[in-house]
Amino acid sequence: MSYPKVALIAGASRGVGAAVARSLASHSDMRIMINYHQNQEAAKQLISEMETLRTQSGHVKDSQSPTFAAAQADITNRTEMTRLVQQTVEQMGRLDIVISNVGWTRMTDFMNLQAADNEEDWDRCFEVNVKSHFRLFRACQPHLESSEGTFIATASVAGVKPSGSSLPYAVTKAALIHLIKSLAIIAGPKIRVNSVAPGVLMTDWGKTFSPDKIQAVQDKNVLKRLATPEDVAEQIRFLAMNRSITGVNALIDAGFSL
């Protein structure tokens, strides 16, 4: 008897995480646990949207139907992160796909080294942009080994092409990409490990850039437009379903890095 796959999406109440949840809900029959930190109302709204998308996809609900749920946890806190993984497995029965969608930055001038010379920014960026992904991987590793599942992290084009909201952010996103490639080698053949690297997106974070900055990025992009959270979500879904891809960092940046 085959069982529906289970996906855990960390940092899912808004932005890219929410787009991934919608994509998985509308294109598959898996169970999905979405994680939120503080915005419970946004998580509840997302669950409602996912249920509507599943119904519209023609899925007939019965006692064996996959379900959606939300769990609160600060995934930068190791104890809460471990609890989140345990709760997902206890409630959903297994774990096949983990989307590690977490990041932090403080907006500064990338070209200003004085602005980058801030110990708290460096420490926080390494803590959130690198170490939290490693910790989440370690928490879910035995479950993904059992299911021969996949782990996908959200990096950034700033980790490929020096740019972005701050120097500490760019450097730590580059470190995350190398971490993912390293984990792919270490965790194979049981677990597939990949990352996606979005360019500027019009999420809550992207909207903090000035209009001039956003226009400058769009003008630089080969495709003369910005990528969208939905573009990123579709790439994540593809990586989640493909059983022959590991150690890949997929750029979704409308040609910014070319």
C-alpha atoms as a PDB file:
ATOM      1  CA  MET A   1       0.000   0.000   0.000  1.00  0.00           C
ATOM      2  CA  SER A   2       1.411   3.400  -0.959  1.00  0.00           C
ATOM      3  CA  TYR A   3       0.999   6.365   1.343  1.00  0.00           C
ATOM      4  CA  PRO A   4       0.814  10.064   0.457  1.00  0.00           C
ATOM      5  CA  LYS A   5       4.082  11.899   0.832  1.00  0.00           C
ATOM      6  CA  VAL A   6       4.462  14.439   3.616  1.00  0.00           C
ATOM      7  CA  ALA A   7       6.029  17.865   3.135  1.00  0.00           C
ATOM      8  CA  LEU A   8       7.185  20.237   5.856  1.00  0.00           C
ATOM      9  CA  ILE A   9       7.558  23.860   4.749  1.00  0.00           C
ATOM     10  CA  ALA A  10       9.487  25.962   7.245  1.00  0.00           C
ATOM     11  CA  GLY A  11       8.657  29.666   7.116  1.00  0.00           C
ATOM     12  CA  ALA A  12       5.499  29.195   5.091  1.00  0.00           C
ATOM     13  CA  SER A  13       2.942  31.766   6.178  1.00  0.00           C
ATOM     14  CA  ARG A  14       3.932  34.369   3.554  1.00  0.00           C
ATOM     15  CA  GLY A  15       6.093  34.993   0.495  1.00  0.00           C
ATOM     16  CA  VAL A  16       8.001  32.125  -1.105  1.00  0.00           C
ATOM     17  CA  GLY A  17       6.995  29.631   1.583  1.00  0.00           C
ATOM     18  CA  ALA A  18       3.296  30.301   1.045  1.00  0.00           C
ATOM     19  CA  ALA A  19       3.735  30.065  -2.730  1.00  0.00           C
ATOM     20  CA  VAL A  20       5.412  26.666  -2.305  1.00  0.00           C
ATOM     21  CA  ALA A  21       2.529  25.482  -0.130  1.00  0.00           C
ATOM     22  CA  ARG A  22      -0.009  26.531  -2.759  1.00  0.00           C
ATOM     23  CA  SER A  23       1.971  24.864  -5.526  1.00  0.00           C
ATOM     24  CA  LEU A  24       2.252  21.553  -3.699  1.00  0.00           C
ATOM     25  CA  ALA A  25      -1.394  21.695  -2.646  1.00  0.00           C
ATOM     26  CA  SER A  26      -2.663  22.242  -6.179  1.00  0.00           C
ATOM     27  CA  HIS A  27      -0.425  19.746  -7.981  1.00  0.00           C
ATOM     28  CA  SER A  28      -0.206  16.735  -5.676  1.00  0.00           C
ATOM     29  CA  ASP A  29      -2.020  14.663  -3.090  1.00  0.00           C
ATOM     30  CA  MET A  30       0.540  14.962  -0.304  1.00  0.00           C
ATOM     31  CA  ARG A  31       0.037  15.951   3.289  1.00  0.00           C
ATOM     32  CA  ILE A  32       1.537  19.352   4.058  1.00  0.00           C
ATOM     33  CA  MET A  33       2.628  20.877   7.343  1.00  0.00           C
ATOM     34  CA  ILE A  34       3.231  24.602   7.130  1.00  0.00           C
ATOM     35  CA  ASN A  35       5.321  26.333   9.755  1.00  0.00           C
ATOM     36  CA  TYR A  36       4.826  29.899  10.943  1.00  0.00           C
ATOM     37  CA  HIS A  37       6.655  31.944  13.547  1.00  0.00           C
ATOM     38  CA  GLN A  38       4.191  34.614  14.691  1.00  0.00           C
ATOM     39  CA  ASN A  39       1.449  35.208  12.111  1.00  0.00           C
ATOM     40  CA  GLN A  40      -1.149  32.598  12.994  1.00  0.00           C
ATOM     41  CA  GLU A  41      -3.891  34.354  11.022  1.00  0.00           C
ATOM     42  CA  ALA A  42      -1.823  34.237   7.833  1.00  0.00           C
ATOM     43  CA  ALA A  43      -1.212  30.530   8.419  1.00  0.00           C
ATOM     44  CA  LYS A  44      -4.930  29.875   8.876  1.00  0.00           C
ATOM     45  CA  GLN A  45      -5.713  31.798   5.695  1.00  0.00           C
ATOM     46  CA  LEU A  46      -3.108  29.801   3.797  1.00  0.00           C
ATOM     47  CA  ILE A  47      -4.594  26.511   4.998  1.00  0.00           C
ATOM     48  CA  SER A  48      -7.989  27.662   3.709  1.00  0.00           C
ATOM     49  CA  GLU A  49      -6.462  28.561   0.325  1.00  0.00           C
ATOM     50  CA  MET A  50      -4.730  25.179   0.125  1.00  0.00           C
ATOM     51  CA  GLU A  51      -7.954  23.334   0.852  1.00  0.00           C
ATOM     52  CA  THR A  52      -9.686  25.277  -1.923  1.00  0.00           C
ATOM     53  CA  LEU A  53      -6.887  24.526  -4.380  1.00  0.00           C
ATOM     54  CA  ARG A  54      -7.000  20.832  -3.528  1.00  0.00           C
ATOM     55  CA  THR A  55     -10.755  20.746  -4.100  1.00  0.00           C
ATOM     56  CA  GLN A  56     -10.394  22.587  -7.413  1.00  0.00           C
ATOM     57  CA  SER A  57      -7.773  20.056  -8.534  1.00  0.00           C
ATOM     58  CA  GLY A  58     -10.460  17.396  -8.446  1.00  0.00           C
ATOM     59  CA  HIS A  59      -9.204  15.515  -5.422  1.00  0.00           C
ATOM     60  CA  VAL A  60     -12.020  13.621  -3.725  1.00  0.00           C
ATOM     61  CA  LYS A  61     -11.791  13.857   0.021  1.00  0.00           C
ATOM     62  CA  ASP A  62     -12.192  10.639   2.018  1.00  0.00           C
ATOM     63  CA  SER A  63     -10.855   9.166   5.250  1.00  0.00           C
ATOM     64  CA  GLN A  64      -7.472   8.558   3.622  1.00  0.00           C
ATOM     65  CA  SER A  65      -7.201  11.989   2.081  1.00  0.00           C
ATOM     66  CA  PRO A  66      -4.031  14.014   2.684  1.00  0.00           C
ATOM     67  CA  THR A  67      -4.498  16.891   5.087  1.00  0.00           C
ATOM     68  CA  PHE A  68      -3.006  20.292   5.745  1.00  0.00           C
ATOM     69  CA  ALA A  69      -1.919  21.616   9.119  1.00  0.00           C
ATOM     70  CA  ALA A  70       0.014  24.514  10.615  1.00  0.00           C
ATOM     71  CA  ALA A  71       2.539  24.502  13.442  1.00  0.00           C
ATOM     72  CA  GLN A  72       4.109  27.419  15.263  1.00  0.00           C
ATOM     73  CA  ALA A  73       7.879  27.340  15.809  1.00  0.00           C
ATOM     74  CA  ASP A  74      10.871  29.642  15.666  1.00  0.00           C
ATOM     75  CA  ILE A  75      13.072  27.638  13.312  1.00  0.00           C
ATOM     76  CA  THR A  76      16.146  29.596  14.353  1.00  0.00           C
ATOM     77  CA  ASN A  77      15.733  27.973  17.788  1.00  0.00           C
ATOM     78  CA  ARG A  78      17.103  24.412  17.805  1.00  0.00           C
ATOM     79  CA  THR A  79      14.687  23.154  20.471  1.00  0.00           C
ATOM     80  CA  GLU A  80      11.627  24.527  18.693  1.00  0.00           C
ATOM     81  CA  MET A  81      12.906  23.258  15.354  1.00  0.00           C
ATOM     82  CA  THR A  82      13.294  19.737  16.722  1.00  0.00           C
ATOM     83  CA  ARG A  83       9.807  19.915  18.180  1.00  0.00           C
ATOM     84  CA  LEU A  84       8.434  21.022  14.814  1.00  0.00           C
ATOM     85  CA  VAL A  85       9.933  18.015  13.036  1.00  0.00           C
ATOM     86  CA  GLN A  86       8.686  15.625  15.722  1.00  0.00           C
ATOM     87  CA  GLN A  87       5.206  17.159  15.609  1.00  0.00           C
ATOM     88  CA  THR A  88       5.089  16.794  11.835  1.00  0.00           C
ATOM     89  CA  VAL A  89       6.035  13.114  11.934  1.00  0.00           C
ATOM     90  CA  GLU A  90       3.651  12.359  14.811  1.00  0.00           C
ATOM     91  CA  GLN A  91       0.742  14.130  13.150  1.00  0.00           C
ATOM     92  CA  MET A  92       1.404  13.171   9.529  1.00  0.00           C
ATOM     93  CA  GLY A  93       3.022   9.776   9.992  1.00  0.00           C
ATOM     94  CA  ARG A  94       6.210  10.313   7.971  1.00  0.00           C
ATOM     95  CA  LEU A  95       8.391  12.958   6.329  1.00  0.00           C
ATOM     96  CA  ASP A  96       9.445  13.033   2.670  1.00  0.00           C
ATOM     97  CA  ILE A  97      10.062  16.667   1.698  1.00  0.00           C
ATOM     98  CA  VAL A  98      11.516  19.480   3.782  1.00  0.00           C
ATOM     99  CA  ILE A  99      11.603  23.034   2.472  1.00  0.00           C
ATOM    100  CA  SER A 100      14.002  25.099   4.577  1.00  0.00           C
ATOM    101  CA  ASN A 101      12.798  28.603   3.843  1.00  0.00           C
ATOM    102  CA  VAL A 102      14.484  30.907   6.324  1.00  0.00           C
ATOM    103  CA  GLY A 103      16.704  33.943   6.057  1.00  0.00           C
ATOM    104  CA  TRP A 104      17.642  37.196   7.724  1.00  0.00           C
ATOM    105  CA  THR A 105      19.243  40.455   6.686  1.00  0.00           C
ATOM    106  CA  ARG A 106      19.553  44.058   7.779  1.00  0.00           C
ATOM    107  CA  MET A 107      19.393  46.479   4.893  1.00  0.00           C
ATOM    108  CA  THR A 108      22.676  48.337   4.399  1.00  0.00           C
ATOM    109  CA  ASP A 109      24.677  49.661   1.457  1.00  0.00           C
ATOM    110  CA  PHE A 110      26.444  46.623  -0.024  1.00  0.00           C
ATOM    111  CA  MET A 111      29.311  48.843  -1.225  1.00  0.00           C
ATOM    112  CA  ASN A 112      29.887  50.442   2.188  1.00  0.00           C
ATOM    113  CA  LEU A 113      32.396  48.428   4.243  1.00  0.00           C
ATOM    114  CA  GLN A 114      31.819  50.582   7.292  1.00  0.00           C
ATOM    115  CA  ALA A 115      28.159  49.606   7.221  1.00  0.00           C
ATOM    116  CA  ALA A 116      29.186  45.940   6.889  1.00  0.00           C
ATOM    117  CA  ASP A 117      31.527  46.127   9.889  1.00  0.00           C
ATOM    118  CA  ASN A 118      28.885  45.101  12.402  1.00  0.00           C
ATOM    119  CA  GLU A 119      29.519  41.998  14.528  1.00  0.00           C
ATOM    120  CA  GLU A 120      25.849  41.535  15.389  1.00  0.00           C
ATOM    121  CA  ASP A 121      24.876  41.489  11.704  1.00  0.00           C
ATOM    122  CA  TRP A 122      27.540  38.898  10.854  1.00  0.00           C
ATOM    123  CA  ASP A 123      26.601  36.694  13.793  1.00  0.00           C
ATOM    124  CA  ARG A 124      22.871  36.897  13.075  1.00  0.00           C
ATOM    125  CA  CYS A 125      23.352  36.213   9.357  1.00  0.00           C
ATOM    126  CA  PHE A 126      25.479  33.140  10.016  1.00  0.00           C
ATOM    127  CA  GLU A 127      23.063  31.956  12.700  1.00  0.00           C
ATOM    128  CA  VAL A 128      19.961  32.227  10.508  1.00  0.00           C
ATOM    129  CA  ASN A 129      21.223  31.913   6.930  1.00  0.00           C
ATOM    130  CA  VAL A 130      23.588  28.986   7.509  1.00  0.00           C
ATOM    131  CA  LYS A 131      23.375  27.281  10.882  1.00  0.00           C
ATOM    132  CA  SER A 132      19.569  27.106  11.080  1.00  0.00           C
ATOM    133  CA  HIS A 133      19.445  25.217   7.764  1.00  0.00           C
ATOM    134  CA  PHE A 134      22.074  22.777   9.010  1.00  0.00           C
ATOM    135  CA  ARG A 135      20.186  22.257  12.248  1.00  0.00           C
ATOM    136  CA  LEU A 136      16.910  21.625  10.442  1.00  0.00           C
ATOM    137  CA  PHE A 137      18.631  19.106   8.198  1.00  0.00           C
ATOM    138  CA  ARG A 138      20.040  17.290  11.221  1.00  0.00           C
ATOM    139  CA  ALA A 139      16.625  17.226  12.906  1.00  0.00           C
ATOM    140  CA  CYS A 140      14.906  15.667   9.905  1.00  0.00           C
ATOM    141  CA  GLN A 141      17.816  13.543   8.620  1.00  0.00           C
ATOM    142  CA  PRO A 142      16.691  10.160  10.044  1.00  0.00           C
ATOM    143  CA  HIS A 143      13.172  10.638   8.713  1.00  0.00           C
ATOM    144  CA  LEU A 144      14.374  11.635   5.241  1.00  0.00           C
ATOM    145  CA  GLU A 145      16.763   8.680   5.190  1.00  0.00           C
ATOM    146  CA  SER A 146      13.842   6.385   5.980  1.00  0.00           C
ATOM    147  CA  SER A 147      11.669   7.827   3.193  1.00  0.00           C
ATOM    148  CA  GLU A 148      14.581   8.496   0.806  1.00  0.00           C
ATOM    149  CA  GLY A 149      13.324  12.039   0.715  1.00  0.00           C
ATOM    150  CA  THR A 150      14.587  15.474  -0.191  1.00  0.00           C
ATOM    151  CA  PHE A 151      15.762  18.651   1.545  1.00  0.00           C
ATOM    152  CA  ILE A 152      15.547  21.978  -0.300  1.00  0.00           C
ATOM    153  CA  ALA A 153      16.857  25.278   1.075  1.00  0.00           C
ATOM    154  CA  THR A 154      16.140  28.834  -0.020  1.00  0.00           C
ATOM    155  CA  ALA A 155      19.400  30.620  -0.841  1.00  0.00           C
ATOM    156  CA  SER A 156      19.740  33.826  -2.899  1.00  0.00           C
ATOM    157  CA  VAL A 157      21.282  35.156  -6.080  1.00  0.00           C
ATOM    158  CA  ALA A 158      23.338  37.317  -3.701  1.00  0.00           C
ATOM    159  CA  GLY A 159      25.186  34.143  -2.787  1.00  0.00           C
ATOM    160  CA  VAL A 160      26.207  33.645  -6.417  1.00  0.00           C
ATOM    161  CA  LYS A 161      26.758  37.191  -7.646  1.00  0.00           C
ATOM    162  CA  PRO A 162      28.088  39.592  -4.981  1.00  0.00           C
ATOM    163  CA  SER A 163      25.132  41.912  -4.461  1.00  0.00           C
ATOM    164  CA  GLY A 164      22.072  42.321  -2.340  1.00  0.00           C
ATOM    165  CA  SER A 165      20.873  43.839   0.893  1.00  0.00           C
ATOM    166  CA  SER A 166      24.179  43.593   2.786  1.00  0.00           C
ATOM    167  CA  LEU A 167      27.639  42.041   2.631  1.00  0.00           C
ATOM    168  CA  PRO A 168      26.989  39.674   5.574  1.00  0.00           C
ATOM    169  CA  TYR A 169      23.816  38.472   3.848  1.00  0.00           C
ATOM    170  CA  ALA A 170      25.569  37.794   0.536  1.00  0.00           C
ATOM    171  CA  VAL A 171      28.491  35.985   2.165  1.00  0.00           C
ATOM    172  CA  THR A 172      26.277  33.783   4.326  1.00  0.00           C
ATOM    173  CA  LYS A 173      23.994  32.883   1.415  1.00  0.00           C
ATOM    174  CA  ALA A 174      27.127  31.788  -0.481  1.00  0.00           C
ATOM    175  CA  ALA A 175      28.041  29.685   2.547  1.00  0.00           C
ATOM    176  CA  LEU A 176      24.552  28.156   2.517  1.00  0.00           C
ATOM    177  CA  ILE A 177      24.942  27.116  -1.124  1.00  0.00           C
ATOM    178  CA  HIS A 178      28.236  25.393  -0.295  1.00  0.00           C
ATOM    179  CA  LEU A 179      26.625  23.755   2.730  1.00  0.00           C
ATOM    180  CA  ILE A 180      23.870  22.340   0.520  1.00  0.00           C
ATOM    181  CA  LYS A 181      26.367  20.925  -1.981  1.00  0.00           C
ATOM    182  CA  SER A 182      28.345  19.398   0.887  1.00  0.00           C
ATOM    183  CA  LEU A 183      25.239  17.863   2.456  1.00  0.00           C
ATOM    184  CA  ALA A 184      24.268  16.397  -0.921  1.00  0.00           C
ATOM    185  CA  ILE A 185      27.567  14.499  -0.992  1.00  0.00           C
ATOM    186  CA  ILE A 186      27.382  13.443   2.652  1.00  0.00           C
ATOM    187  CA  ALA A 187      23.690  12.469   2.703  1.00  0.00           C
ATOM    188  CA  GLY A 188      23.578  10.538  -0.569  1.00  0.00           C
ATOM    189  CA  PRO A 189      22.362   8.173  -1.776  1.00  0.00           C
ATOM    190  CA  LYS A 190      19.374   8.216   0.567  1.00  0.00           C
ATOM    191  CA  ILE A 191      18.632  11.973   0.671  1.00  0.00           C
ATOM    192  CA  ARG A 192      18.612  14.467  -2.194  1.00  0.00           C
ATOM    193  CA  VAL A 193      19.730  17.967  -1.142  1.00  0.00           C
ATOM    194  CA  ASN A 194      19.303  21.062  -3.319  1.00  0.00           C
ATOM    195  CA  SER A 195      18.797  24.813  -3.076  1.00  0.00           C
ATOM    196  CA  VAL A 196      17.085  27.570  -5.018  1.00  0.00           C
ATOM    197  CA  ALA A 197      18.530  31.058  -5.398  1.00  0.00           C
ATOM    198  CA  PRO A 198      15.886  33.690  -6.156  1.00  0.00           C
ATOM    199  CA  GLY A 199      16.647  37.176  -7.348  1.00  0.00           C
ATOM    200  CA  VAL A 200      14.704  40.168  -6.051  1.00  0.00           C
ATOM    201  CA  LEU A 201      11.063  39.165  -5.502  1.00  0.00           C
ATOM    202  CA  MET A 202       8.132  41.369  -4.619  1.00  0.00           C
ATOM    203  CA  THR A 203       7.631  39.722  -1.248  1.00  0.00           C
ATOM    204  CA  ASP A 204       7.395  41.730   1.972  1.00  0.00           C
ATOM    205  CA  TRP A 205      11.199  41.663   2.051  1.00  0.00           C
ATOM    206  CA  GLY A 206      11.621  42.739  -1.577  1.00  0.00           C
ATOM    207  CA  LYS A 207       9.252  45.633  -1.099  1.00  0.00           C
ATOM    208  CA  THR A 208      11.640  47.174   1.418  1.00  0.00           C
ATOM    209  CA  PHE A 209      13.953  48.110  -1.464  1.00  0.00           C
ATOM    210  CA  SER A 210      13.425  51.583  -2.886  1.00  0.00           C
ATOM    211  CA  PRO A 211      11.494  51.892  -6.174  1.00  0.00           C
ATOM    212  CA  ASP A 212      14.700  53.085  -7.861  1.00  0.00           C
ATOM    213  CA  LYS A 213      16.572  49.994  -6.664  1.00  0.00           C
ATOM    214  CA  ILE A 214      13.823  47.666  -7.854  1.00  0.00           C
ATOM    215  CA  GLN A 215      13.715  49.360 -11.254  1.00  0.00           C
ATOM    216  CA  ALA A 216      17.509  49.151 -11.548  1.00  0.00           C
ATOM    217  CA  VAL A 217      17.407  45.398 -10.892  1.00  0.00           C
ATOM    218  CA  GLN A 218      14.613  44.920 -13.411  1.00  0.00           C
ATOM    219  CA  ASP A 219      16.538  46.874 -16.029  1.00  0.00           C
ATOM    220  CA  LYS A 220      19.629  44.743 -15.402  1.00  0.00           C
ATOM    221  CA  ASN A 221      17.728  41.460 -15.655  1.00  0.00           C
ATOM    222  CA  VAL A 222      18.098  39.886 -19.088  1.00  0.00           C
ATOM    223  CA  LEU A 223      14.355  39.191 -19.178  1.00  0.00           C
ATOM    224  CA  LYS A 224      13.563  42.795 -18.155  1.00  0.00           C
ATOM    225  CA  ARG A 225      11.202  41.651 -15.425  1.00  0.00           C
ATOM    226  CA  LEU A 226      11.415  40.293 -11.905  1.00  0.00           C
ATOM    227  CA  ALA A 227      11.003  36.661 -10.986  1.00  0.00           C
ATOM    228  CA  THR A 228       7.967  35.863  -8.828  1.00  0.00           C
ATOM    229  CA  PRO A 229       7.442  33.734  -5.716  1.00  0.00           C
ATOM    230  CA  GLU A 230       5.374  31.422  -7.931  1.00  0.00           C
ATOM    231  CA  ASP A 231       8.367  30.959 -10.263  1.00  0.00           C
ATOM    232  CA  VAL A 232      10.455  29.905  -7.271  1.00  0.00           C
ATOM    233  CA  ALA A 233       7.710  27.621  -5.970  1.00  0.00           C
ATOM    234  CA  GLU A 234       7.438  25.773  -9.271  1.00  0.00           C
ATOM    235  CA  GLN A 235      11.199  25.168  -9.287  1.00  0.00           C
ATOM    236  CA  ILE A 236      11.038  23.852  -5.732  1.00  0.00           C
ATOM    237  CA  ARG A 237       8.179  21.522  -6.638  1.00  0.00           C
ATOM    238  CA  PHE A 238      10.205  20.211  -9.583  1.00  0.00           C
ATOM    239  CA  LEU A 239      13.232  19.543  -7.386  1.00  0.00           C
ATOM    240  CA  ALA A 240      11.024  17.876  -4.791  1.00  0.00           C
ATOM    241  CA  MET A 241       9.565  15.444  -7.313  1.00  0.00           C
ATOM    242  CA  ASN A 242      12.653  14.647  -9.370  1.00  0.00           C
ATOM    243  CA  ARG A 243      14.597  11.684  -7.975  1.00  0.00           C
ATOM    244  CA  SER A 244      17.779  12.241 -10.007  1.00  0.00           C
ATOM    245  CA  ILE A 245      18.816  15.760  -8.966  1.00  0.00           C
ATOM    246  CA  THR A 246      21.029  16.518  -5.985  1.00  0.00           C
ATOM    247  CA  GLY A 247      23.655  19.126  -5.131  1.00  0.00           C
ATOM    248  CA  VAL A 248      22.093  21.701  -7.449  1.00  0.00           C
ATOM    249  CA  ASN A 249      21.593  25.403  -6.788  1.00  0.00           C
ATOM    250  CA  ALA A 250      18.865  26.578  -9.145  1.00  0.00           C
ATOM    251  CA  LEU A 251      18.921  30.279 -10.030  1.00  0.00           C
ATOM    252  CA  ILE A 252      15.541  31.951 -10.507  1.00  0.00           C
ATOM    253  CA  ASP A 253      16.602  35.527 -11.152  1.00  0.00           C
ATOM    254  CA  ALA A 254      15.301  36.545 -14.605  1.00  0.00           C
ATOM    255  CA  GLY A 255      18.896  36.674 -15.808  1.00  0.00           C
ATOM    256  CA  PHE A 256      20.312  39.033 -13.150  1.00  0.00           C
ATOM    257  CA  SER A 257      23.399  36.889 -12.562  1.00  0.00           C
ATOM    258  CA  LEU A 258      24.381  36.570 -16.232  1.00  0.00           C
END
